C-alpha atoms as a PDB file:
ATOM      1  CA  UNK A   1       0.000   0.000   0.000  1.00  0.00           C
ATOM      2  CA  UNK A   2       2.821   2.375   0.916  1.00  0.00           C
ATOM      3  CA  UNK A   3       4.596   1.800  -2.434  1.00  0.00           C
ATOM      4  CA  UNK A   4       1.351   2.367  -4.330  1.00  0.00           C
ATOM      5  CA  UNK A   5       0.694   5.621  -2.459  1.00  0.00           C
ATOM      6  CA  UNK A   6       4.244   6.863  -3.028  1.00  0.00           C
ATOM      7  CA  UNK A   7       4.010   5.980  -6.734  1.00  0.00           C
ATOM      8  CA  UNK A   8       0.721   7.849  -6.977  1.00  0.00           C
ATOM      9  CA  UNK A   9       2.244  10.917  -5.310  1.00  0.00           C
ATOM     10  CA  UNK A  10       5.248  10.954  -7.646  1.00  0.00           C
ATOM     11  CA  UNK A  11       3.061  10.571 -10.766  1.00  0.00           C
ATOM     12  CA  UNK A  12       0.705  13.302  -9.509  1.00  0.00           C
ATOM     13  CA  UNK A  13       3.636  15.649  -8.911  1.00  0.00           C
ATOM     14  CA  UNK A  14       5.038  15.208 -12.399  1.00  0.00           C
ATOM     15  CA  UNK A  15       1.606  15.531 -13.993  1.00  0.00           C
ATOM     16  CA  UNK A  16       0.949  18.784 -12.113  1.00  0.00           C
ATOM     17  CA  UNK A  17       4.383  20.117 -13.004  1.00  0.00           C
ATOM     18  CA  UNK A  18       3.837  19.237 -16.678  1.00  0.00           C
ATOM     19  CA  UNK A  19       0.407  20.883 -16.663  1.00  0.00           C
ATOM     20  CA  UNK A  20       1.867  24.019 -15.094  1.00  0.00           C
ATOM     21  CA  UNK A  21       4.607  24.298 -17.737  1.00  0.00           C
ATOM     22  CA  UNK A  22       2.218  23.694 -20.644  1.00  0.00           C
ATOM     23  CA  UNK A  23      -0.202  26.357 -19.430  1.00  0.00           C
ATOM     24  CA  UNK A  24       2.506  28.895 -18.482  1.00  0.00           C
ATOM     25  CA  UNK A  25       0.886  29.203 -15.088  1.00  0.00           C
ATOM     26  CA  UNK A  26       2.329  28.306 -11.741  1.00  0.00           C
ATOM     27  CA  UNK A  27      -1.021  28.383  -9.960  1.00  0.00           C
ATOM     28  CA  UNK A  28      -2.381  24.862  -9.697  1.00  0.00           C
ATOM     29  CA  UNK A  29      -4.609  25.193  -6.617  1.00  0.00           C
ATOM     30  CA  UNK A  30      -6.106  28.259  -4.970  1.00  0.00           C
ATOM     31  CA  UNK A  31      -4.014  29.875  -2.252  1.00  0.00           C
ATOM     32  CA  UNK A  32      -6.590  29.050   0.390  1.00  0.00           C
ATOM     33  CA  UNK A  33      -6.660  30.647   3.801  1.00  0.00           C
ATOM     34  CA  UNK A  34      -3.961  33.002   5.089  1.00  0.00           C
ATOM     35  CA  UNK A  35      -2.326  31.485   8.187  1.00  0.00           C
ATOM     36  CA  UNK A  36      -0.536  33.440  10.906  1.00  0.00           C
ATOM     37  CA  UNK A  37      -0.023  30.865  13.676  1.00  0.00           C
ATOM     38  CA  UNK A  38       3.342  29.036  13.475  1.00  0.00           C
ATOM     39  CA  UNK A  39       4.647  31.080  10.525  1.00  0.00           C
ATOM     40  CA  UNK A  40       6.632  34.281  10.033  1.00  0.00           C
ATOM     41  CA  UNK A  41       5.486  36.366   7.071  1.00  0.00           C
ATOM     42  CA  UNK A  42       2.523  35.812   4.769  1.00  0.00           C
ATOM     43  CA  UNK A  43       1.547  32.174   4.172  1.00  0.00           C
ATOM     44  CA  UNK A  44      -1.572  30.612   2.641  1.00  0.00           C
ATOM     45  CA  UNK A  45      -2.759  27.018   3.121  1.00  0.00           C
ATOM     46  CA  UNK A  46      -5.316  25.149   1.026  1.00  0.00           C
ATOM     47  CA  UNK A  47      -6.211  21.752   2.452  1.00  0.00           C
ATOM     48  CA  UNK A  48      -6.230  19.138  -0.319  1.00  0.00           C
ATOM     49  CA  UNK A  49      -6.760  15.885   1.597  1.00  0.00           C
ATOM     50  CA  UNK A  50      -8.218  15.769   5.108  1.00  0.00           C
ATOM     51  CA  UNK A  51      -7.165  13.097   7.591  1.00  0.00           C
ATOM     52  CA  UNK A  52      -9.264   9.968   7.254  1.00  0.00           C
ATOM     53  CA  UNK A  53      -9.092   6.299   8.222  1.00  0.00           C
ATOM     54  CA  UNK A  54      -8.639   5.015   4.660  1.00  0.00           C
ATOM     55  CA  UNK A  55      -5.596   6.874   3.329  1.00  0.00           C
ATOM     56  CA  UNK A  56      -4.311   8.028   6.725  1.00  0.00           C
ATOM     57  CA  UNK A  57      -2.561  11.110   5.366  1.00  0.00           C
ATOM     58  CA  UNK A  58      -3.003  14.861   5.264  1.00  0.00           C
ATOM     59  CA  UNK A  59      -2.079  16.922   2.198  1.00  0.00           C
ATOM     60  CA  UNK A  60      -2.166  20.630   1.484  1.00  0.00           C
ATOM     61  CA  UNK A  61      -0.993  23.316  -0.903  1.00  0.00           C
ATOM     62  CA  UNK A  62       1.157  25.868   0.954  1.00  0.00           C
ATOM     63  CA  UNK A  63       2.205  29.202  -0.559  1.00  0.00           C
ATOM     64  CA  UNK A  64       4.863  31.389   1.090  1.00  0.00           C
ATOM     65  CA  UNK A  65       5.465  35.006   0.086  1.00  0.00           C
ATOM     66  CA  UNK A  66       9.130  35.917  -0.343  1.00  0.00           C
ATOM     67  CA  UNK A  67      10.861  35.755   3.039  1.00  0.00           C
ATOM     68  CA  UNK A  68       8.018  33.871   4.773  1.00  0.00           C
ATOM     69  CA  UNK A  69       8.828  30.705   6.693  1.00  0.00           C
ATOM     70  CA  UNK A  70       7.475  28.140   9.098  1.00  0.00           C
ATOM     71  CA  UNK A  71       8.472  27.862  12.728  1.00  0.00           C
ATOM     72  CA  UNK A  72      10.830  25.069  13.734  1.00  0.00           C
ATOM     73  CA  UNK A  73       8.778  21.872  13.891  1.00  0.00           C
ATOM     74  CA  UNK A  74       8.805  18.074  13.688  1.00  0.00           C
ATOM     75  CA  UNK A  75       6.605  15.416  12.093  1.00  0.00           C
ATOM     76  CA  UNK A  76       6.189  12.114  13.950  1.00  0.00           C
ATOM     77  CA  UNK A  77       5.851  10.236  10.647  1.00  0.00           C
ATOM     78  CA  UNK A  78       7.873  12.578   8.425  1.00  0.00           C
ATOM     79  CA  UNK A  79       6.699  14.782   5.574  1.00  0.00           C
ATOM     80  CA  UNK A  80       7.118  14.987   1.782  1.00  0.00           C
ATOM     81  CA  UNK A  81       7.149  18.377   0.027  1.00  0.00           C
ATOM     82  CA  UNK A  82       6.541  18.586  -3.734  1.00  0.00           C
ATOM     83  CA  UNK A  83       7.807  22.020  -4.773  1.00  0.00           C
ATOM     84  CA  UNK A  84       5.530  23.409  -7.506  1.00  0.00           C
ATOM     85  CA  UNK A  85       6.821  26.983  -7.758  1.00  0.00           C
ATOM     86  CA  UNK A  86       9.561  29.341  -6.661  1.00  0.00           C
ATOM     87  CA  UNK A  87      12.732  29.081  -4.626  1.00  0.00           C
ATOM     88  CA  UNK A  88      12.743  27.968  -1.008  1.00  0.00           C
ATOM     89  CA  UNK A  89      14.911  27.176   1.971  1.00  0.00           C
ATOM     90  CA  UNK A  90      14.838  24.291   4.396  1.00  0.00           C
ATOM     91  CA  UNK A  91      17.062  23.501   7.333  1.00  0.00           C
ATOM     92  CA  UNK A  92      17.394  20.588   9.720  1.00  0.00           C
ATOM     93  CA  UNK A  93      18.624  21.397  13.230  1.00  0.00           C
ATOM     94  CA  UNK A  94      22.433  21.540  13.294  1.00  0.00           C
ATOM     95  CA  UNK A  95      22.838  21.586   9.490  1.00  0.00           C
ATOM     96  CA  UNK A  96      23.287  24.275   6.846  1.00  0.00           C
ATOM     97  CA  UNK A  97      20.277  25.789   5.068  1.00  0.00           C
ATOM     98  CA  UNK A  98      19.436  23.958   1.834  1.00  0.00           C
ATOM     99  CA  UNK A  99      18.183  25.982  -1.152  1.00  0.00           C
ATOM    100  CA  UNK A 100      15.573  24.235  -3.320  1.00  0.00           C
ATOM    101  CA  UNK A 101      13.655  25.061  -6.511  1.00  0.00           C
ATOM    102  CA  UNK A 102      10.457  24.298  -8.398  1.00  0.00           C
ATOM    103  CA  UNK A 103      10.392  20.643  -9.415  1.00  0.00           C
ATOM    104  CA  UNK A 104      12.286  19.303  -6.401  1.00  0.00           C
ATOM    105  CA  UNK A 105      11.010  16.854  -3.788  1.00  0.00           C
ATOM    106  CA  UNK A 106      12.009  17.484  -0.170  1.00  0.00           C
ATOM    107  CA  UNK A 107      11.924  14.627   2.345  1.00  0.00           C
ATOM    108  CA  UNK A 108      11.563  15.659   5.984  1.00  0.00           C
ATOM    109  CA  UNK A 109      12.501  12.606   8.096  1.00  0.00           C
ATOM    110  CA  UNK A 110      10.378  11.600  11.113  1.00  0.00           C
ATOM    111  CA  UNK A 111      11.076  13.460  14.356  1.00  0.00           C
ATOM    112  CA  UNK A 112      13.810  15.690  12.877  1.00  0.00           C
ATOM    113  CA  UNK A 113      13.534  19.328  13.918  1.00  0.00           C
ATOM    114  CA  UNK A 114      13.446  21.544  10.814  1.00  0.00           C
ATOM    115  CA  UNK A 115      11.813  24.520   9.094  1.00  0.00           C
ATOM    116  CA  UNK A 116      11.065  25.536   5.521  1.00  0.00           C
ATOM    117  CA  UNK A 117       9.924  28.617   3.644  1.00  0.00           C
ATOM    118  CA  UNK A 118      10.522  30.951   0.718  1.00  0.00           C
ATOM    119  CA  UNK A 119      13.818  32.605  -0.136  1.00  0.00           C
ATOM    120  CA  UNK A 120      14.067  36.396   0.357  1.00  0.00           C
ATOM    121  CA  UNK A 121      13.726  37.086  -3.375  1.00  0.00           C
ATOM    122  CA  UNK A 122      11.040  34.575  -4.419  1.00  0.00           C
ATOM    123  CA  UNK A 123       7.733  33.202  -3.280  1.00  0.00           C
ATOM    124  CA  UNK A 124       7.550  29.410  -2.973  1.00  0.00           C
ATOM    125  CA  UNK A 125       4.682  26.934  -3.208  1.00  0.00           C
ATOM    126  CA  UNK A 126       4.731  23.276  -2.262  1.00  0.00           C
ATOM    127  CA  UNK A 127       2.306  20.436  -1.772  1.00  0.00           C
ATOM    128  CA  UNK A 128       2.819  18.951   1.685  1.00  0.00           C
ATOM    129  CA  UNK A 129       2.076  15.278   2.243  1.00  0.00           C
ATOM    130  CA  UNK A 130       1.991  14.002   5.794  1.00  0.00           C
ATOM    131  CA  UNK A 131       1.724  10.176   5.910  1.00  0.00           C
ATOM    132  CA  UNK A 132       0.592   8.074   8.853  1.00  0.00           C
ATOM    133  CA  UNK A 133      -1.473  10.957  10.222  1.00  0.00           C
ATOM    134  CA  UNK A 134      -2.673   8.768  13.082  1.00  0.00           C
ATOM    135  CA  UNK A 135       0.809   9.297  14.600  1.00  0.00           C
ATOM    136  CA  UNK A 136       0.223  13.074  14.633  1.00  0.00           C
ATOM    137  CA  UNK A 137       0.860  15.525  11.819  1.00  0.00           C
ATOM    138  CA  UNK A 138       3.087  18.256  13.264  1.00  0.00           C
ATOM    139  CA  UNK A 139       4.564  19.465  16.544  1.00  0.00           C
ATOM    140  CA  UNK A 140       5.216  23.216  16.374  1.00  0.00           C
ATOM    141  CA  UNK A 141       8.203  24.641  18.224  1.00  0.00           C
ATOM    142  CA  UNK A 142       9.655  28.179  18.196  1.00  0.00           C
ATOM    143  CA  UNK A 143       9.975  30.831  15.477  1.00  0.00           C
ATOM    144  CA  UNK A 144      12.994  30.813  13.176  1.00  0.00           C
ATOM    145  CA  UNK A 145      14.993  33.940  14.016  1.00  0.00           C
ATOM    146  CA  UNK A 146      16.185  36.345  11.326  1.00  0.00           C
ATOM    147  CA  UNK A 147      19.754  35.312  12.186  1.00  0.00           C
ATOM    148  CA  UNK A 148      18.890  31.625  11.583  1.00  0.00           C
ATOM    149  CA  UNK A 149      16.994  32.436   8.361  1.00  0.00           C
ATOM    150  CA  UNK A 150      19.940  34.454   7.045  1.00  0.00           C
ATOM    151  CA  UNK A 151      22.460  31.790   8.118  1.00  0.00           C
ATOM    152  CA  UNK A 152      24.889  29.712   6.107  1.00  0.00           C
ATOM    153  CA  UNK A 153      23.611  27.836   3.072  1.00  0.00           C
ATOM    154  CA  UNK A 154      24.787  24.589   1.506  1.00  0.00           C
ATOM    155  CA  UNK A 155      25.718  24.323  -2.168  1.00  0.00           C
ATOM    156  CA  UNK A 156      23.201  21.506  -2.822  1.00  0.00           C
END
């Protein structure tokens, strides 16, 4: 079941990315509701899949304005981000900031403290997939400081 779900997610991502390029539009889903709790800057979330007992996952479309970012947080079962637009940053506790771009897939391992958001010069949109939602979706921690956000970046 897990392999089938992961295959479906990968195919969906590439289909959405192909559709976006063919239509010269980066907007796939509506921005949804603006969220202020657990984020710095302007962020919108559109729920795509609500938690249920059949698929046991939560999925959403998250759009960050340039410079916006999540708080530090963890996911008991991990998280997959399918980047559909823009340039973003992510950082695991104790590591350098990683820069990522439209078309990349970001894997957030279970129980690893991290944050993600848009770069200072670009908005960023991703589809978040949180598997095994019965284990809990997210544990929010503290805000990412400006010093942390402007910290050292990796060359990946």
